[in-house]
Amino acid sequence: MPVEPNQLKKLRKELGLTQAEAAESVRVERQTWISWERDTDKPTARTIPDGLLELFCIKHKVNYKVLDKKVYIVYH
């Protein structure tokens, strides 16, 4: 299952990043990042693409794994 908006927000906060900093780290606009953190019941919600999630994990040294071309955050 793709990363849920609340998981992405929690991860960003655990890393001590603002939405603007997180967005900049994967080269997207802040508003795009905000849409990835938005509740899925909102019409403007979007899912972070797997490639950008993987890039985010690499840049911020977050453990992840790829299964069937999907990126999953590894929680300890």
PDB file of N, CA and C in Angstrom:
ATOM      1  N   MET A   1       0.842  -1.177   0.000  1.00  0.00           N
ATOM      2  CA  MET A   1       0.000   0.000   0.000  1.00  0.00           C
ATOM      3  C   MET A   1       0.888   1.240   0.000  1.00  0.00           C
ATOM      4  N   PRO A   2       0.540   2.242  -0.800  1.00  0.00           N
ATOM      5  CA  PRO A   2       1.346   3.469  -0.823  1.00  0.00           C
ATOM      6  C   PRO A   2       1.347   4.141   0.551  1.00  0.00           C
ATOM      7  N   VAL A   3       2.320   4.992   0.767  1.00  0.00           N
ATOM      8  CA  VAL A   3       2.404   5.700   2.034  1.00  0.00           C
ATOM      9  C   VAL A   3       1.149   6.569   2.187  1.00  0.00           C
ATOM     10  N   GLU A   4       0.570   6.519   3.373  1.00  0.00           N
ATOM     11  CA  GLU A   4      -0.627   7.306   3.671  1.00  0.00           C
ATOM     12  C   GLU A   4      -0.224   8.745   3.981  1.00  0.00           C
ATOM     13  N   PRO A   5      -1.116   9.699   3.719  1.00  0.00           N
ATOM     14  CA  PRO A   5      -0.788  11.106   3.984  1.00  0.00           C
ATOM     15  C   PRO A   5      -0.333  11.362   5.423  1.00  0.00           C
ATOM     16  N   ASN A   6      -0.997  10.740   6.396  1.00  0.00           N
ATOM     17  CA  ASN A   6      -0.604  10.960   7.790  1.00  0.00           C
ATOM     18  C   ASN A   6       0.776  10.374   8.083  1.00  0.00           C
ATOM     19  N   GLN A   7       1.146   9.281   7.402  1.00  0.00           N
ATOM     20  CA  GLN A   7       2.474   8.695   7.579  1.00  0.00           C
ATOM     21  C   GLN A   7       3.545   9.621   7.005  1.00  0.00           C
ATOM     22  N   LEU A   8       3.243  10.193   5.843  1.00  0.00           N
ATOM     23  CA  LEU A   8       4.194  11.103   5.210  1.00  0.00           C
ATOM     24  C   LEU A   8       4.412  12.340   6.081  1.00  0.00           C
ATOM     25  N   LYS A   9       3.335  12.872   6.604  1.00  0.00           N
ATOM     26  CA  LYS A   9       3.423  14.050   7.473  1.00  0.00           C
ATOM     27  C   LYS A   9       4.219  13.725   8.737  1.00  0.00           C
ATOM     28  N   LYS A  10       3.929  12.580   9.355  1.00  0.00           N
ATOM     29  CA  LYS A  10       4.643  12.167  10.561  1.00  0.00           C
ATOM     30  C   LYS A  10       6.129  11.995  10.282  1.00  0.00           C
ATOM     31  N   LEU A  11       6.463  11.362   9.165  1.00  0.00           N
ATOM     32  CA  LEU A  11       7.860  11.159   8.787  1.00  0.00           C
ATOM     33  C   LEU A  11       8.565  12.499   8.609  1.00  0.00           C
ATOM     34  N   ARG A  12       7.918  13.405   7.888  1.00  0.00           N
ATOM     35  CA  ARG A  12       8.515  14.733   7.665  1.00  0.00           C
ATOM     36  C   ARG A  12       8.784  15.430   8.985  1.00  0.00           C
ATOM     37  N   LYS A  13       7.816  15.379   9.889  1.00  0.00           N
ATOM     38  CA  LYS A  13       7.981  16.043  11.187  1.00  0.00           C
ATOM     39  C   LYS A  13       9.073  15.383  12.018  1.00  0.00           C
ATOM     40  N   GLU A  14       9.154  14.049  11.971  1.00  0.00           N
ATOM     41  CA  GLU A  14      10.216  13.340  12.699  1.00  0.00           C
ATOM     42  C   GLU A  14      11.593  13.741  12.198  1.00  0.00           C
ATOM     43  N   LEU A  15      11.668  14.070  10.922  1.00  0.00           N
ATOM     44  CA  LEU A  15      12.940  14.513  10.339  1.00  0.00           C
ATOM     45  C   LEU A  15      13.206  15.986  10.602  1.00  0.00           C
ATOM     46  N   GLY A  16      12.239  16.672  11.197  1.00  0.00           N
ATOM     47  CA  GLY A  16      12.412  18.083  11.529  1.00  0.00           C
ATOM     48  C   GLY A  16      12.337  19.002  10.324  1.00  0.00           C
ATOM     49  N   LEU A  17      11.585  18.590   9.303  1.00  0.00           N
ATOM     50  CA  LEU A  17      11.482  19.369   8.072  1.00  0.00           C
ATOM     51  C   LEU A  17      10.154  20.113   7.988  1.00  0.00           C
ATOM     52  N   THR A  18      10.193  21.307   7.427  1.00  0.00           N
ATOM     53  CA  THR A  18       8.960  22.002   7.088  1.00  0.00           C
ATOM     54  C   THR A  18       8.445  21.420   5.774  1.00  0.00           C
ATOM     55  N   GLN A  19       7.214  21.746   5.437  1.00  0.00           N
ATOM     56  CA  GLN A  19       6.688  21.288   4.151  1.00  0.00           C
ATOM     57  C   GLN A  19       7.512  21.870   3.009  1.00  0.00           C
ATOM     58  N   ALA A  20       7.933  23.109   3.150  1.00  0.00           N
ATOM     59  CA  ALA A  20       8.743  23.736   2.101  1.00  0.00           C
ATOM     60  C   ALA A  20      10.082  23.019   1.935  1.00  0.00           C
ATOM     61  N   GLU A  21      10.717  22.664   3.044  1.00  0.00           N
ATOM     62  CA  GLU A  21      12.003  21.964   2.973  1.00  0.00           C
ATOM     63  C   GLU A  21      11.841  20.575   2.376  1.00  0.00           C
ATOM     64  N   ALA A  22      10.791  19.874   2.768  1.00  0.00           N
ATOM     65  CA  ALA A  22      10.547  18.540   2.217  1.00  0.00           C
ATOM     66  C   ALA A  22      10.296  18.632   0.716  1.00  0.00           C
ATOM     67  N   ALA A  23       9.500  19.602   0.311  1.00  0.00           N
ATOM     68  CA  ALA A  23       9.201  19.793  -1.111  1.00  0.00           C
ATOM     69  C   ALA A  23      10.469  20.110  -1.898  1.00  0.00           C
ATOM     70  N   GLU A  24      11.278  20.998  -1.365  1.00  0.00           N
ATOM     71  CA  GLU A  24      12.522  21.381  -2.040  1.00  0.00           C
ATOM     72  C   GLU A  24      13.452  20.183  -2.206  1.00  0.00           C
ATOM     73  N   SER A  25      13.453  19.280  -1.239  1.00  0.00           N
ATOM     74  CA  SER A  25      14.378  18.144  -1.299  1.00  0.00           C
ATOM     75  C   SER A  25      14.050  17.186  -2.442  1.00  0.00           C
ATOM     76  N   VAL A  26      12.813  17.191  -2.929  1.00  0.00           N
ATOM     77  CA  VAL A  26      12.452  16.347  -4.071  1.00  0.00           C
ATOM     78  C   VAL A  26      12.055  17.191  -5.290  1.00  0.00           C
ATOM     79  N   ARG A  27      12.382  18.480  -5.230  1.00  0.00           N
ATOM     80  CA  ARG A  27      12.220  19.404  -6.361  1.00  0.00           C
ATOM     81  C   ARG A  27      10.770  19.558  -6.839  1.00  0.00           C
ATOM     82  N   VAL A  28       9.855  19.743  -5.853  1.00  0.00           N
ATOM     83  CA  VAL A  28       8.468  20.051  -6.200  1.00  0.00           C
ATOM     84  C   VAL A  28       8.054  21.319  -5.457  1.00  0.00           C
ATOM     85  N   GLU A  29       6.945  21.886  -5.867  1.00  0.00           N
ATOM     86  CA  GLU A  29       6.412  23.063  -5.195  1.00  0.00           C
ATOM     87  C   GLU A  29       5.860  22.669  -3.825  1.00  0.00           C
ATOM     88  N   ARG A  30       5.865  23.602  -2.893  1.00  0.00           N
ATOM     89  CA  ARG A  30       5.336  23.354  -1.555  1.00  0.00           C
ATOM     90  C   ARG A  30       3.876  22.895  -1.625  1.00  0.00           C
ATOM     91  N   GLN A  31       3.099  23.491  -2.488  1.00  0.00           N
ATOM     92  CA  GLN A  31       1.693  23.130  -2.609  1.00  0.00           C
ATOM     93  C   GLN A  31       1.526  21.664  -3.034  1.00  0.00           C
ATOM     94  N   THR A  32       2.425  21.176  -3.852  1.00  0.00           N
ATOM     95  CA  THR A  32       2.388  19.760  -4.245  1.00  0.00           C
ATOM     96  C   THR A  32       2.622  18.888  -3.026  1.00  0.00           C
ATOM     97  N   TRP A  33       3.629  19.237  -2.226  1.00  0.00           N
ATOM     98  CA  TRP A  33       3.888  18.456  -1.011  1.00  0.00           C
ATOM     99  C   TRP A  33       2.665  18.480  -0.103  1.00  0.00           C
ATOM    100  N   ILE A  34       2.073  19.644   0.057  1.00  0.00           N
ATOM    101  CA  ILE A  34       0.882  19.776   0.900  1.00  0.00           C
ATOM    102  C   ILE A  34      -0.215  18.832   0.413  1.00  0.00           C
ATOM    103  N   SER A  35      -0.382  18.725  -0.898  1.00  0.00           N
ATOM    104  CA  SER A  35      -1.427  17.844  -1.437  1.00  0.00           C
ATOM    105  C   SER A  35      -1.135  16.374  -1.120  1.00  0.00           C
ATOM    106  N   TRP A  36       0.133  16.001  -0.973  1.00  0.00           N
ATOM    107  CA  TRP A  36       0.497  14.626  -0.629  1.00  0.00           C
ATOM    108  C   TRP A  36       0.182  14.316   0.828  1.00  0.00           C
ATOM    109  N   GLU A  37       0.167  15.353   1.676  1.00  0.00           N
ATOM    110  CA  GLU A  37      -0.135  15.172   3.095  1.00  0.00           C
ATOM    111  C   GLU A  37      -1.630  15.338   3.393  1.00  0.00           C
ATOM    112  N   ARG A  38      -2.391  15.762   2.433  1.00  0.00           N
ATOM    113  CA  ARG A  38      -3.817  16.041   2.639  1.00  0.00           C
ATOM    114  C   ARG A  38      -4.608  14.749   2.763  1.00  0.00           C
ATOM    115  N   ASP A  39      -5.612  14.740   3.635  1.00  0.00           N
ATOM    116  CA  ASP A  39      -6.492  13.578   3.811  1.00  0.00           C
ATOM    117  C   ASP A  39      -7.031  13.124   2.463  1.00  0.00           C
ATOM    118  N   THR A  40      -7.070  11.814   2.284  1.00  0.00           N
ATOM    119  CA  THR A  40      -7.473  11.254   0.993  1.00  0.00           C
ATOM    120  C   THR A  40      -8.931  11.504   0.655  1.00  0.00           C
ATOM    121  N   ASP A  41      -9.736  11.911   1.619  1.00  0.00           N
ATOM    122  CA  ASP A  41     -11.141  12.206   1.316  1.00  0.00           C
ATOM    123  C   ASP A  41     -11.316  13.597   0.718  1.00  0.00           C
ATOM    124  N   LYS A  42     -10.263  14.390   0.680  1.00  0.00           N
ATOM    125  CA  LYS A  42     -10.313  15.725   0.078  1.00  0.00           C
ATOM    126  C   LYS A  42     -10.105  15.605  -1.427  1.00  0.00           C
ATOM    127  N   PRO A  43     -10.832  16.398  -2.216  1.00  0.00           N
ATOM    128  CA  PRO A  43     -10.706  16.287  -3.671  1.00  0.00           C
ATOM    129  C   PRO A  43      -9.332  16.674  -4.218  1.00  0.00           C
ATOM    130  N   THR A  44      -8.588  17.469  -3.475  1.00  0.00           N
ATOM    131  CA  THR A  44      -7.269  17.899  -3.955  1.00  0.00           C
ATOM    132  C   THR A  44      -6.133  17.030  -3.423  1.00  0.00           C
ATOM    133  N   ALA A  45      -6.463  15.941  -2.753  1.00  0.00           N
ATOM    134  CA  ALA A  45      -5.431  15.036  -2.241  1.00  0.00           C
ATOM    135  C   ALA A  45      -4.776  14.288  -3.395  1.00  0.00           C
ATOM    136  N   ARG A  46      -3.482  14.039  -3.232  1.00  0.00           N
ATOM    137  CA  ARG A  46      -2.729  13.278  -4.231  1.00  0.00           C
ATOM    138  C   ARG A  46      -1.809  12.323  -3.492  1.00  0.00           C
ATOM    139  N   THR A  47      -1.299  11.346  -4.204  1.00  0.00           N
ATOM    140  CA  THR A  47      -0.358  10.393  -3.632  1.00  0.00           C
ATOM    141  C   THR A  47       1.031  10.706  -4.157  1.00  0.00           C
ATOM    142  N   ILE A  48       2.016  10.715  -3.266  1.00  0.00           N
ATOM    143  CA  ILE A  48       3.386  10.968  -3.683  1.00  0.00           C
ATOM    144  C   ILE A  48       3.831   9.846  -4.627  1.00  0.00           C
ATOM    145  N   PRO A  49       4.373  10.180  -5.783  1.00  0.00           N
ATOM    146  CA  PRO A  49       4.863   9.143  -6.702  1.00  0.00           C
ATOM    147  C   PRO A  49       5.987   8.328  -6.053  1.00  0.00           C
ATOM    148  N   ASP A  50       6.013   7.041  -6.368  1.00  0.00           N
ATOM    149  CA  ASP A  50       7.011   6.150  -5.767  1.00  0.00           C
ATOM    150  C   ASP A  50       8.438   6.630  -5.982  1.00  0.00           C
ATOM    151  N   GLY A  51       8.740   7.140  -7.157  1.00  0.00           N
ATOM    152  CA  GLY A  51      10.099   7.606  -7.437  1.00  0.00           C
ATOM    153  C   GLY A  51      10.506   8.765  -6.552  1.00  0.00           C
ATOM    154  N   LEU A  52       9.567   9.683  -6.298  1.00  0.00           N
ATOM    155  CA  LEU A  52       9.877  10.819  -5.435  1.00  0.00           C
ATOM    156  C   LEU A  52       9.924  10.403  -3.973  1.00  0.00           C
ATOM    157  N   LEU A  53       9.121   9.441  -3.585  1.00  0.00           N
ATOM    158  CA  LEU A  53       9.198   8.921  -2.226  1.00  0.00           C
ATOM    159  C   LEU A  53      10.544   8.243  -2.004  1.00  0.00           C
ATOM    160  N   GLU A  54      10.986   7.480  -2.991  1.00  0.00           N
ATOM    161  CA  GLU A  54      12.290   6.826  -2.874  1.00  0.00           C
ATOM    162  C   GLU A  54      13.409   7.870  -2.795  1.00  0.00           C
ATOM    163  N   LEU A  55      13.340   8.905  -3.619  1.00  0.00           N
ATOM    164  CA  LEU A  55      14.331   9.980  -3.580  1.00  0.00           C
ATOM    165  C   LEU A  55      14.335  10.651  -2.204  1.00  0.00           C
ATOM    166  N   PHE A  56      13.145  10.927  -1.673  1.00  0.00           N
ATOM    167  CA  PHE A  56      13.035  11.530  -0.344  1.00  0.00           C
ATOM    168  C   PHE A  56      13.712  10.639   0.693  1.00  0.00           C
ATOM    169  N   CYS A  57      13.454   9.356   0.640  1.00  0.00           N
ATOM    170  CA  CYS A  57      14.056   8.413   1.594  1.00  0.00           C
ATOM    171  C   CYS A  57      15.570   8.381   1.468  1.00  0.00           C
ATOM    172  N   ILE A  58      16.062   8.371   0.258  1.00  0.00           N
ATOM    173  CA  ILE A  58      17.511   8.348   0.037  1.00  0.00           C
ATOM    174  C   ILE A  58      18.151   9.613   0.594  1.00  0.00           C
ATOM    175  N   LYS A  59      17.592  10.756   0.253  1.00  0.00           N
ATOM    176  CA  LYS A  59      18.178  12.032   0.670  1.00  0.00           C
ATOM    177  C   LYS A  59      18.162  12.208   2.185  1.00  0.00           C
ATOM    178  N   HIS A  60      17.153  11.641   2.844  1.00  0.00           N
ATOM    179  CA  HIS A  60      17.009  11.853   4.282  1.00  0.00           C
ATOM    180  C   HIS A  60      17.334  10.610   5.103  1.00  0.00           C
ATOM    181  N   LYS A  61      17.970   9.634   4.435  1.00  0.00           N
ATOM    182  CA  LYS A  61      18.437   8.412   5.095  1.00  0.00           C
ATOM    183  C   LYS A  61      17.326   7.689   5.857  1.00  0.00           C
ATOM    184  N   VAL A  62      16.185   7.546   5.184  1.00  0.00           N
ATOM    185  CA  VAL A  62      15.038   6.833   5.735  1.00  0.00           C
ATOM    186  C   VAL A  62      15.070   5.406   5.189  1.00  0.00           C
ATOM    187  N   ASN A  63      14.909   4.427   6.059  1.00  0.00           N
ATOM    188  CA  ASN A  63      14.891   3.033   5.617  1.00  0.00           C
ATOM    189  C   ASN A  63      13.621   2.761   4.820  1.00  0.00           C
ATOM    190  N   TYR A  64      13.797   2.110   3.686  1.00  0.00           N
ATOM    191  CA  TYR A  64      12.665   1.761   2.831  1.00  0.00           C
ATOM    192  C   TYR A  64      12.987   0.483   2.081  1.00  0.00           C
ATOM    193  N   LYS A  65      11.962  -0.090   1.502  1.00  0.00           N
ATOM    194  CA  LYS A  65      12.173  -1.245   0.627  1.00  0.00           C
ATOM    195  C   LYS A  65      11.245  -1.100  -0.569  1.00  0.00           C
ATOM    196  N   VAL A  66      11.615  -1.766  -1.654  1.00  0.00           N
ATOM    197  CA  VAL A  66      10.813  -1.741  -2.870  1.00  0.00           C
ATOM    198  C   VAL A  66      10.322  -3.157  -3.137  1.00  0.00           C
ATOM    199  N   LEU A  67       9.021  -3.302  -3.224  1.00  0.00           N
ATOM    200  CA  LEU A  67       8.392  -4.574  -3.556  1.00  0.00           C
ATOM    201  C   LEU A  67       7.406  -4.338  -4.686  1.00  0.00           C
ATOM    202  N   ASP A  68       7.527  -5.119  -5.744  1.00  0.00           N
ATOM    203  CA  ASP A  68       6.633  -4.964  -6.902  1.00  0.00           C
ATOM    204  C   ASP A  68       6.575  -3.519  -7.391  1.00  0.00           C
ATOM    205  N   LYS A  69       7.737  -2.881  -7.420  1.00  0.00           N
ATOM    206  CA  LYS A  69       7.882  -1.509  -7.899  1.00  0.00           C
ATOM    207  C   LYS A  69       7.168  -0.469  -7.042  1.00  0.00           C
ATOM    208  N   LYS A  70       6.829  -0.830  -5.815  1.00  0.00           N
ATOM    209  CA  LYS A  70       6.210   0.095  -4.866  1.00  0.00           C
ATOM    210  C   LYS A  70       7.191   0.342  -3.721  1.00  0.00           C
ATOM    211  N   VAL A  71       7.241   1.573  -3.244  1.00  0.00           N
ATOM    212  CA  VAL A  71       8.152   1.949  -2.167  1.00  0.00           C
ATOM    213  C   VAL A  71       7.402   1.886  -0.837  1.00  0.00           C
ATOM    214  N   TYR A  72       8.029   1.238   0.135  1.00  0.00           N
ATOM    215  CA  TYR A  72       7.454   1.106   1.467  1.00  0.00           C
ATOM    216  C   TYR A  72       8.455   1.609   2.497  1.00  0.00           C
ATOM    217  N   ILE A  73       7.991   2.422   3.421  1.00  0.00           N
ATOM    218  CA  ILE A  73       8.831   2.884   4.510  1.00  0.00           C
ATOM    219  C   ILE A  73       8.994   1.723   5.492  1.00  0.00           C
ATOM    220  N   VAL A  74      10.220   1.518   5.978  1.00  0.00           N
ATOM    221  CA  VAL A  74      10.478   0.459   6.947  1.00  0.00           C
ATOM    222  C   VAL A  74      10.499   1.102   8.327  1.00  0.00           C
ATOM    223  N   TYR A  75       9.548   0.688   9.166  1.00  0.00           N
ATOM    224  CA  TYR A  75       9.464   1.198  10.529  1.00  0.00           C
ATOM    225  C   TYR A  75      10.081   0.179  11.473  1.00  0.00           C
ATOM    226  N   HIS A  76      10.767   0.678  12.455  1.00  0.00           N
ATOM    227  CA  HIS A  76      11.421  -0.218  13.435  1.00  0.00           C
ATOM    228  C   HIS A  76      10.603  -0.263  14.694  1.00  0.00           C
TER     229      HIS A  76
END
